[in-house]
Amino acid sequence: AALHDPGEIIALTALPSTIVDAAP
């Protein structure tokens, strides 16, 4: 929330790499 302005699209790449690369 802090890194994105209201209305700005949040992409998957905005997530920490530890979450993006982790196994479900």
mmCIF file of all heavy atoms, coordinates in Angstrom:
data_MODEL
# 
_entry.id   MODEL 
# 
loop_
_atom_site.group_PDB 
_atom_site.id 
_atom_site.type_symbol 
_atom_site.label_atom_id 
_atom_site.label_alt_id 
_atom_site.label_comp_id 
_atom_site.label_asym_id 
_atom_site.label_entity_id 
_atom_site.label_seq_id 
_atom_site.pdbx_PDB_ins_code 
_atom_site.Cartn_x 
_atom_site.Cartn_y 
_atom_site.Cartn_z 
_atom_site.occupancy 
_atom_site.B_iso_or_equiv 
_atom_site.pdbx_formal_charge 
_atom_site.auth_seq_id 
_atom_site.auth_comp_id 
_atom_site.auth_asym_id 
_atom_site.auth_atom_id 
_atom_site.pdbx_PDB_model_num 
ATOM 1   N N   . ALA A 1 1  ? 0.828  -1.210  0.000   1.00 0.00 ? 1  ALA A N   1 
ATOM 2   C CA  . ALA A 1 1  ? 0.000  0.000   0.000   1.00 0.00 ? 1  ALA A CA  1 
ATOM 3   C C   . ALA A 1 1  ? 0.862  1.260   0.000   1.00 0.00 ? 1  ALA A C   1 
ATOM 4   O O   . ALA A 1 1  ? 0.561  2.239   -0.692  1.00 0.00 ? 1  ALA A O   1 
ATOM 5   C CB  . ALA A 1 1  ? -0.933 -0.008  1.205   1.00 0.00 ? 1  ALA A CB  1 
ATOM 6   N N   . ALA A 1 2  ? 1.964  1.234   0.765   1.00 0.00 ? 2  ALA A N   1 
ATOM 7   C CA  . ALA A 1 2  ? 2.819  2.415   0.857   1.00 0.00 ? 2  ALA A CA  1 
ATOM 8   C C   . ALA A 1 2  ? 3.576  2.687   -0.440  1.00 0.00 ? 2  ALA A C   1 
ATOM 9   O O   . ALA A 1 2  ? 3.871  3.835   -0.769  1.00 0.00 ? 2  ALA A O   1 
ATOM 10  C CB  . ALA A 1 2  ? 3.811  2.247   2.003   1.00 0.00 ? 2  ALA A CB  1 
ATOM 11  N N   . LEU A 1 3  ? 3.888  1.620   -1.182  1.00 0.00 ? 3  LEU A N   1 
ATOM 12  C CA  . LEU A 1 3  ? 4.705  1.762   -2.381  1.00 0.00 ? 3  LEU A CA  1 
ATOM 13  C C   . LEU A 1 3  ? 3.880  2.046   -3.643  1.00 0.00 ? 3  LEU A C   1 
ATOM 14  O O   . LEU A 1 3  ? 4.446  2.186   -4.724  1.00 0.00 ? 3  LEU A O   1 
ATOM 15  C CB  . LEU A 1 3  ? 5.543  0.497   -2.594  1.00 0.00 ? 3  LEU A CB  1 
ATOM 16  C CG  . LEU A 1 3  ? 6.635  0.254   -1.538  1.00 0.00 ? 3  LEU A CG  1 
ATOM 17  C CD1 . LEU A 1 3  ? 7.254  -1.120  -1.716  1.00 0.00 ? 3  LEU A CD1 1 
ATOM 18  C CD2 . LEU A 1 3  ? 7.697  1.338   -1.606  1.00 0.00 ? 3  LEU A CD2 1 
ATOM 19  N N   . HIS A 1 4  ? 2.552  2.083   -3.505  1.00 0.00 ? 4  HIS A N   1 
ATOM 20  C CA  . HIS A 1 4  ? 1.702  2.329   -4.672  1.00 0.00 ? 4  HIS A CA  1 
ATOM 21  C C   . HIS A 1 4  ? 0.708  3.450   -4.377  1.00 0.00 ? 4  HIS A C   1 
ATOM 22  O O   . HIS A 1 4  ? 0.132  3.513   -3.281  1.00 0.00 ? 4  HIS A O   1 
ATOM 23  C CB  . HIS A 1 4  ? 0.936  1.055   -5.063  1.00 0.00 ? 4  HIS A CB  1 
ATOM 24  C CG  . HIS A 1 4  ? 1.812  -0.026  -5.595  1.00 0.00 ? 4  HIS A CG  1 
ATOM 25  N ND1 . HIS A 1 4  ? 2.544  -0.852  -4.764  1.00 0.00 ? 4  HIS A ND1 1 
ATOM 26  C CD2 . HIS A 1 4  ? 2.104  -0.413  -6.871  1.00 0.00 ? 4  HIS A CD2 1 
ATOM 27  C CE1 . HIS A 1 4  ? 3.233  -1.711  -5.506  1.00 0.00 ? 4  HIS A CE1 1 
ATOM 28  N NE2 . HIS A 1 4  ? 2.993  -1.463  -6.775  1.00 0.00 ? 4  HIS A NE2 1 
ATOM 29  N N   . ASP A 1 5  ? 0.520  4.305   -5.344  1.00 0.00 ? 5  ASP A N   1 
ATOM 30  C CA  . ASP A 1 5  ? -0.475 5.366   -5.216  1.00 0.00 ? 5  ASP A CA  1 
ATOM 31  C C   . ASP A 1 5  ? -1.868 4.774   -5.378  1.00 0.00 ? 5  ASP A C   1 
ATOM 32  O O   . ASP A 1 5  ? -2.047 3.749   -6.061  1.00 0.00 ? 5  ASP A O   1 
ATOM 33  C CB  . ASP A 1 5  ? -0.259 6.434   -6.281  1.00 0.00 ? 5  ASP A CB  1 
ATOM 34  C CG  . ASP A 1 5  ? 1.056  7.173   -6.089  1.00 0.00 ? 5  ASP A CG  1 
ATOM 35  O OD1 . ASP A 1 5  ? 1.461  7.335   -4.919  1.00 0.00 ? 5  ASP A OD1 1 
ATOM 36  O OD2 . ASP A 1 5  ? 1.669  7.565   -7.100  1.00 0.00 ? 5  ASP A OD2 1 
ATOM 37  N N   . PRO A 1 6  ? -2.892 5.390   -4.767  1.00 0.00 ? 6  PRO A N   1 
ATOM 38  C CA  . PRO A 1 6  ? -4.268 4.916   -4.973  1.00 0.00 ? 6  PRO A CA  1 
ATOM 39  C C   . PRO A 1 6  ? -4.609 4.880   -6.461  1.00 0.00 ? 6  PRO A C   1 
ATOM 40  O O   . PRO A 1 6  ? -4.348 5.832   -7.196  1.00 0.00 ? 6  PRO A O   1 
ATOM 41  C CB  . PRO A 1 6  ? -5.110 5.953   -4.226  1.00 0.00 ? 6  PRO A CB  1 
ATOM 42  C CG  . PRO A 1 6  ? -4.193 6.482   -3.175  1.00 0.00 ? 6  PRO A CG  1 
ATOM 43  C CD  . PRO A 1 6  ? -2.829 6.493   -3.794  1.00 0.00 ? 6  PRO A CD  1 
ATOM 44  N N   . GLY A 1 7  ? -5.156 3.754   -6.918  1.00 0.00 ? 7  GLY A N   1 
ATOM 45  C CA  . GLY A 1 7  ? -5.507 3.592   -8.319  1.00 0.00 ? 7  GLY A CA  1 
ATOM 46  C C   . GLY A 1 7  ? -4.404 3.009   -9.168  1.00 0.00 ? 7  GLY A C   1 
ATOM 47  O O   . GLY A 1 7  ? -4.650 2.573   -10.302 1.00 0.00 ? 7  GLY A O   1 
ATOM 48  N N   . GLU A 1 8  ? -3.180 2.984   -8.646  1.00 0.00 ? 8  GLU A N   1 
ATOM 49  C CA  . GLU A 1 8  ? -2.061 2.415   -9.398  1.00 0.00 ? 8  GLU A CA  1 
ATOM 50  C C   . GLU A 1 8  ? -2.173 0.890   -9.409  1.00 0.00 ? 8  GLU A C   1 
ATOM 51  O O   . GLU A 1 8  ? -2.465 0.267   -8.385  1.00 0.00 ? 8  GLU A O   1 
ATOM 52  C CB  . GLU A 1 8  ? -0.732 2.842   -8.764  1.00 0.00 ? 8  GLU A CB  1 
ATOM 53  C CG  . GLU A 1 8  ? 0.493  2.367   -9.521  1.00 0.00 ? 8  GLU A CG  1 
ATOM 54  C CD  . GLU A 1 8  ? 1.785  2.813   -8.840  1.00 0.00 ? 8  GLU A CD  1 
ATOM 55  O OE1 . GLU A 1 8  ? 1.699  3.569   -7.847  1.00 0.00 ? 8  GLU A OE1 1 
ATOM 56  O OE2 . GLU A 1 8  ? 2.866  2.392   -9.294  1.00 0.00 ? 8  GLU A OE2 1 
ATOM 57  N N   . ILE A 1 9  ? -1.929 0.273   -10.556 1.00 0.00 ? 9  ILE A N   1 
ATOM 58  C CA  . ILE A 1 9  ? -2.025 -1.182  -10.679 1.00 0.00 ? 9  ILE A CA  1 
ATOM 59  C C   . ILE A 1 9  ? -0.834 -1.832  -9.974  1.00 0.00 ? 9  ILE A C   1 
ATOM 60  O O   . ILE A 1 9  ? 0.318  -1.438  -10.175 1.00 0.00 ? 9  ILE A O   1 
ATOM 61  C CB  . ILE A 1 9  ? -2.063 -1.611  -12.158 1.00 0.00 ? 9  ILE A CB  1 
ATOM 62  C CG1 . ILE A 1 9  ? -3.335 -1.078  -12.817 1.00 0.00 ? 9  ILE A CG1 1 
ATOM 63  C CG2 . ILE A 1 9  ? -1.986 -3.122  -12.288 1.00 0.00 ? 9  ILE A CG2 1 
ATOM 64  C CD1 . ILE A 1 9  ? -3.410 -1.353  -14.307 1.00 0.00 ? 9  ILE A CD1 1 
ATOM 65  N N   . ILE A 1 10 ? -1.131 -2.818  -9.165  1.00 0.00 ? 10 ILE A N   1 
ATOM 66  C CA  . ILE A 1 10 ? -0.086 -3.549  -8.445  1.00 0.00 ? 10 ILE A CA  1 
ATOM 67  C C   . ILE A 1 10 ? 0.243  -4.820  -9.222  1.00 0.00 ? 10 ILE A C   1 
ATOM 68  O O   . ILE A 1 10 ? -0.607 -5.695  -9.394  1.00 0.00 ? 10 ILE A O   1 
ATOM 69  C CB  . ILE A 1 10 ? -0.547 -3.890  -7.018  1.00 0.00 ? 10 ILE A CB  1 
ATOM 70  C CG1 . ILE A 1 10 ? -0.854 -2.600  -6.239  1.00 0.00 ? 10 ILE A CG1 1 
ATOM 71  C CG2 . ILE A 1 10 ? 0.510  -4.709  -6.291  1.00 0.00 ? 10 ILE A CG2 1 
ATOM 72  C CD1 . ILE A 1 10 ? -1.438 -2.823  -4.867  1.00 0.00 ? 10 ILE A CD1 1 
ATOM 73  N N   . ALA A 1 11 ? 1.459  -4.899  -9.702  1.00 0.00 ? 11 ALA A N   1 
ATOM 74  C CA  . ALA A 1 11 ? 1.876  -6.049  -10.498 1.00 0.00 ? 11 ALA A CA  1 
ATOM 75  C C   . ALA A 1 11 ? 2.457  -7.133  -9.613  1.00 0.00 ? 11 ALA A C   1 
ATOM 76  O O   . ALA A 1 11 ? 2.868  -6.873  -8.463  1.00 0.00 ? 11 ALA A O   1 
ATOM 77  C CB  . ALA A 1 11 ? 2.919  -5.616  -11.534 1.00 0.00 ? 11 ALA A CB  1 
ATOM 78  N N   . LEU A 1 12 ? 2.517  -8.343  -10.149 1.00 0.00 ? 12 LEU A N   1 
ATOM 79  C CA  . LEU A 1 12 ? 3.086  -9.467  -9.407  1.00 0.00 ? 12 LEU A CA  1 
ATOM 80  C C   . LEU A 1 12 ? 4.542  -9.189  -9.046  1.00 0.00 ? 12 LEU A C   1 
ATOM 81  O O   . LEU A 1 12 ? 5.017  -9.595  -7.972  1.00 0.00 ? 12 LEU A O   1 
ATOM 82  C CB  . LEU A 1 12 ? 2.985  -10.751 -10.244 1.00 0.00 ? 12 LEU A CB  1 
ATOM 83  C CG  . LEU A 1 12 ? 3.386  -12.063 -9.556  1.00 0.00 ? 12 LEU A CG  1 
ATOM 84  C CD1 . LEU A 1 12 ? 2.503  -12.346 -8.359  1.00 0.00 ? 12 LEU A CD1 1 
ATOM 85  C CD2 . LEU A 1 12 ? 3.307  -13.224 -10.546 1.00 0.00 ? 12 LEU A CD2 1 
ATOM 86  N N   . THR A 1 13 ? 5.246  -8.468  -9.913  1.00 0.00 ? 13 THR A N   1 
ATOM 87  C CA  . THR A 1 13 ? 6.662  -8.165  -9.657  1.00 0.00 ? 13 THR A CA  1 
ATOM 88  C C   . THR A 1 13 ? 6.857  -7.220  -8.477  1.00 0.00 ? 13 THR A C   1 
ATOM 89  O O   . THR A 1 13 ? 7.980  -7.056  -7.994  1.00 0.00 ? 13 THR A O   1 
ATOM 90  C CB  . THR A 1 13 ? 7.297  -7.534  -10.910 1.00 0.00 ? 13 THR A CB  1 
ATOM 91  O OG1 . THR A 1 13 ? 6.503  -6.410  -11.321 1.00 0.00 ? 13 THR A OG1 1 
ATOM 92  C CG2 . THR A 1 13 ? 7.377  -8.543  -12.042 1.00 0.00 ? 13 THR A CG2 1 
ATOM 93  N N   . ALA A 1 14 ? 5.783  -6.584  -8.012  1.00 0.00 ? 14 ALA A N   1 
ATOM 94  C CA  . ALA A 1 14 ? 5.890  -5.697  -6.853  1.00 0.00 ? 14 ALA A CA  1 
ATOM 95  C C   . ALA A 1 14 ? 6.036  -6.482  -5.547  1.00 0.00 ? 14 ALA A C   1 
ATOM 96  O O   . ALA A 1 14 ? 6.435  -5.921  -4.526  1.00 0.00 ? 14 ALA A O   1 
ATOM 97  C CB  . ALA A 1 14 ? 4.662  -4.790  -6.763  1.00 0.00 ? 14 ALA A CB  1 
ATOM 98  N N   . LEU A 1 15 ? 5.690  -7.778  -5.591  1.00 0.00 ? 15 LEU A N   1 
ATOM 99  C CA  . LEU A 1 15 ? 5.817  -8.605  -4.391  1.00 0.00 ? 15 LEU A CA  1 
ATOM 100 C C   . LEU A 1 15 ? 7.279  -8.938  -4.130  1.00 0.00 ? 15 LEU A C   1 
ATOM 101 O O   . LEU A 1 15 ? 8.081  -9.016  -5.066  1.00 0.00 ? 15 LEU A O   1 
ATOM 102 C CB  . LEU A 1 15 ? 5.020  -9.904  -4.551  1.00 0.00 ? 15 LEU A CB  1 
ATOM 103 C CG  . LEU A 1 15 ? 3.509  -9.771  -4.726  1.00 0.00 ? 15 LEU A CG  1 
ATOM 104 C CD1 . LEU A 1 15 ? 2.887  -11.143 -4.905  1.00 0.00 ? 15 LEU A CD1 1 
ATOM 105 C CD2 . LEU A 1 15 ? 2.884  -9.060  -3.544  1.00 0.00 ? 15 LEU A CD2 1 
ATOM 106 N N   . PRO A 1 16 ? 7.656  -9.153  -2.868  1.00 0.00 ? 16 PRO A N   1 
ATOM 107 C CA  . PRO A 1 16 ? 9.031  -9.572  -2.574  1.00 0.00 ? 16 PRO A CA  1 
ATOM 108 C C   . PRO A 1 16 ? 9.378  -10.865 -3.303  1.00 0.00 ? 16 PRO A C   1 
ATOM 109 O O   . PRO A 1 16 ? 8.521  -11.734 -3.497  1.00 0.00 ? 16 PRO A O   1 
ATOM 110 C CB  . PRO A 1 16 ? 9.009  -9.774  -1.048  1.00 0.00 ? 16 PRO A CB  1 
ATOM 111 C CG  . PRO A 1 16 ? 7.858  -8.966  -0.556  1.00 0.00 ? 16 PRO A CG  1 
ATOM 112 C CD  . PRO A 1 16 ? 6.834  -8.997  -1.646  1.00 0.00 ? 16 PRO A CD  1 
ATOM 113 N N   . SER A 1 17 ? 10.640 -10.996 -3.708  1.00 0.00 ? 17 SER A N   1 
ATOM 114 C CA  . SER A 1 17 ? 11.061 -12.186 -4.448  1.00 0.00 ? 17 SER A CA  1 
ATOM 115 C C   . SER A 1 17 ? 10.861 -13.455 -3.635  1.00 0.00 ? 17 SER A C   1 
ATOM 116 O O   . SER A 1 17 ? 10.637 -14.530 -4.191  1.00 0.00 ? 17 SER A O   1 
ATOM 117 C CB  . SER A 1 17 ? 12.532 -12.053 -4.840  1.00 0.00 ? 17 SER A CB  1 
ATOM 118 O OG  . SER A 1 17 ? 13.350 -11.886 -3.684  1.00 0.00 ? 17 SER A OG  1 
ATOM 119 N N   . THR A 1 18 ? 10.929 -13.338 -2.301  1.00 0.00 ? 18 THR A N   1 
ATOM 120 C CA  . THR A 1 18 ? 10.722 -14.522 -1.452  1.00 0.00 ? 18 THR A CA  1 
ATOM 121 C C   . THR A 1 18 ? 9.312  -15.073 -1.591  1.00 0.00 ? 18 THR A C   1 
ATOM 122 O O   . THR A 1 18 ? 9.075  -16.252 -1.319  1.00 0.00 ? 18 THR A O   1 
ATOM 123 C CB  . THR A 1 18 ? 10.980 -14.165 0.024   1.00 0.00 ? 18 THR A CB  1 
ATOM 124 O OG1 . THR A 1 18 ? 10.204 -13.008 0.367   1.00 0.00 ? 18 THR A OG1 1 
ATOM 125 C CG2 . THR A 1 18 ? 12.449 -13.876 0.263   1.00 0.00 ? 18 THR A CG2 1 
ATOM 126 N N   . ILE A 1 19 ? 8.372  -14.208 -2.007  1.00 0.00 ? 19 ILE A N   1 
ATOM 127 C CA  . ILE A 1 19 ? 6.990  -14.659 -2.212  1.00 0.00 ? 19 ILE A CA  1 
ATOM 128 C C   . ILE A 1 19 ? 6.776  -15.091 -3.655  1.00 0.00 ? 19 ILE A C   1 
ATOM 129 O O   . ILE A 1 19 ? 6.178  -16.130 -3.927  1.00 0.00 ? 19 ILE A O   1 
ATOM 130 C CB  . ILE A 1 19 ? 6.003  -13.545 -1.834  1.00 0.00 ? 19 ILE A CB  1 
ATOM 131 C CG1 . ILE A 1 19 ? 6.117  -13.231 -0.331  1.00 0.00 ? 19 ILE A CG1 1 
ATOM 132 C CG2 . ILE A 1 19 ? 4.564  -13.928 -2.182  1.00 0.00 ? 19 ILE A CG2 1 
ATOM 133 C CD1 . ILE A 1 19 ? 5.263  -12.077 0.121   1.00 0.00 ? 19 ILE A CD1 1 
ATOM 134 N N   . VAL A 1 20 ? 7.299  -14.312 -4.587  1.00 0.00 ? 20 VAL A N   1 
ATOM 135 C CA  . VAL A 1 20 ? 7.105  -14.625 -6.009  1.00 0.00 ? 20 VAL A CA  1 
ATOM 136 C C   . VAL A 1 20 ? 7.741  -15.959 -6.371  1.00 0.00 ? 20 VAL A C   1 
ATOM 137 O O   . VAL A 1 20 ? 7.172  -16.776 -7.098  1.00 0.00 ? 20 VAL A O   1 
ATOM 138 C CB  . VAL A 1 20 ? 7.688  -13.506 -6.896  1.00 0.00 ? 20 VAL A CB  1 
ATOM 139 C CG1 . VAL A 1 20 ? 7.601  -13.878 -8.368  1.00 0.00 ? 20 VAL A CG1 1 
ATOM 140 C CG2 . VAL A 1 20 ? 6.952  -12.196 -6.647  1.00 0.00 ? 20 VAL A CG2 1 
ATOM 141 N N   . ASP A 1 21 ? 8.943  -16.220 -5.813  1.00 0.00 ? 21 ASP A N   1 
ATOM 142 C CA  . ASP A 1 21 ? 9.693  -17.417 -6.192  1.00 0.00 ? 21 ASP A CA  1 
ATOM 143 C C   . ASP A 1 21 ? 9.370  -18.625 -5.333  1.00 0.00 ? 21 ASP A C   1 
ATOM 144 O O   . ASP A 1 21 ? 9.818  -19.737 -5.635  1.00 0.00 ? 21 ASP A O   1 
ATOM 145 C CB  . ASP A 1 21 ? 11.201 -17.146 -6.094  1.00 0.00 ? 21 ASP A CB  1 
ATOM 146 C CG  . ASP A 1 21 ? 11.628 -16.015 -7.025  1.00 0.00 ? 21 ASP A CG  1 
ATOM 147 O OD1 . ASP A 1 21 ? 10.917 -15.783 -8.014  1.00 0.00 ? 21 ASP A OD1 1 
ATOM 148 O OD2 . ASP A 1 21 ? 12.651 -15.379 -6.749  1.00 0.00 ? 21 ASP A OD2 1 
ATOM 149 N N   . ALA A 1 22 ? 8.613  -18.434 -4.246  1.00 0.00 ? 22 ALA A N   1 
ATOM 150 C CA  . ALA A 1 22 ? 8.371  -19.540 -3.320  1.00 0.00 ? 22 ALA A CA  1 
ATOM 151 C C   . ALA A 1 22 ? 7.358  -20.517 -3.906  1.00 0.00 ? 22 ALA A C   1 
ATOM 152 O O   . ALA A 1 22 ? 6.470  -20.147 -4.677  1.00 0.00 ? 22 ALA A O   1 
ATOM 153 C CB  . ALA A 1 22 ? 7.863  -19.007 -1.986  1.00 0.00 ? 22 ALA A CB  1 
ATOM 154 N N   . ALA A 1 23 ? 7.502  -21.792 -3.498  1.00 0.00 ? 23 ALA A N   1 
ATOM 155 C CA  . ALA A 1 23 ? 6.517  -22.803 -3.893  1.00 0.00 ? 23 ALA A CA  1 
ATOM 156 C C   . ALA A 1 23 ? 5.224  -22.543 -3.144  1.00 0.00 ? 23 ALA A C   1 
ATOM 157 O O   . ALA A 1 23 ? 5.239  -22.138 -1.983  1.00 0.00 ? 23 ALA A O   1 
ATOM 158 C CB  . ALA A 1 23 ? 7.040  -24.197 -3.560  1.00 0.00 ? 23 ALA A CB  1 
ATOM 159 N N   . PRO A 1 24 ? 4.064  -22.743 -3.779  1.00 0.00 ? 24 PRO A N   1 
ATOM 160 C CA  . PRO A 1 24 ? 2.786  -22.510 -3.106  1.00 0.00 ? 24 PRO A CA  1 
ATOM 161 C C   . PRO A 1 24 ? 2.644  -23.404 -1.875  1.00 0.00 ? 24 PRO A C   1 
ATOM 162 O O   . PRO A 1 24 ? 3.116  -24.537 -1.861  1.00 0.00 ? 24 PRO A O   1 
ATOM 163 C CB  . PRO A 1 24 ? 1.740  -22.876 -4.162  1.00 0.00 ? 24 PRO A CB  1 
ATOM 164 C CG  . PRO A 1 24 ? 2.460  -22.809 -5.470  1.00 0.00 ? 24 PRO A CG  1 
ATOM 165 C CD  . PRO A 1 24 ? 3.871  -23.190 -5.174  1.00 0.00 ? 24 PRO A CD  1 
# 
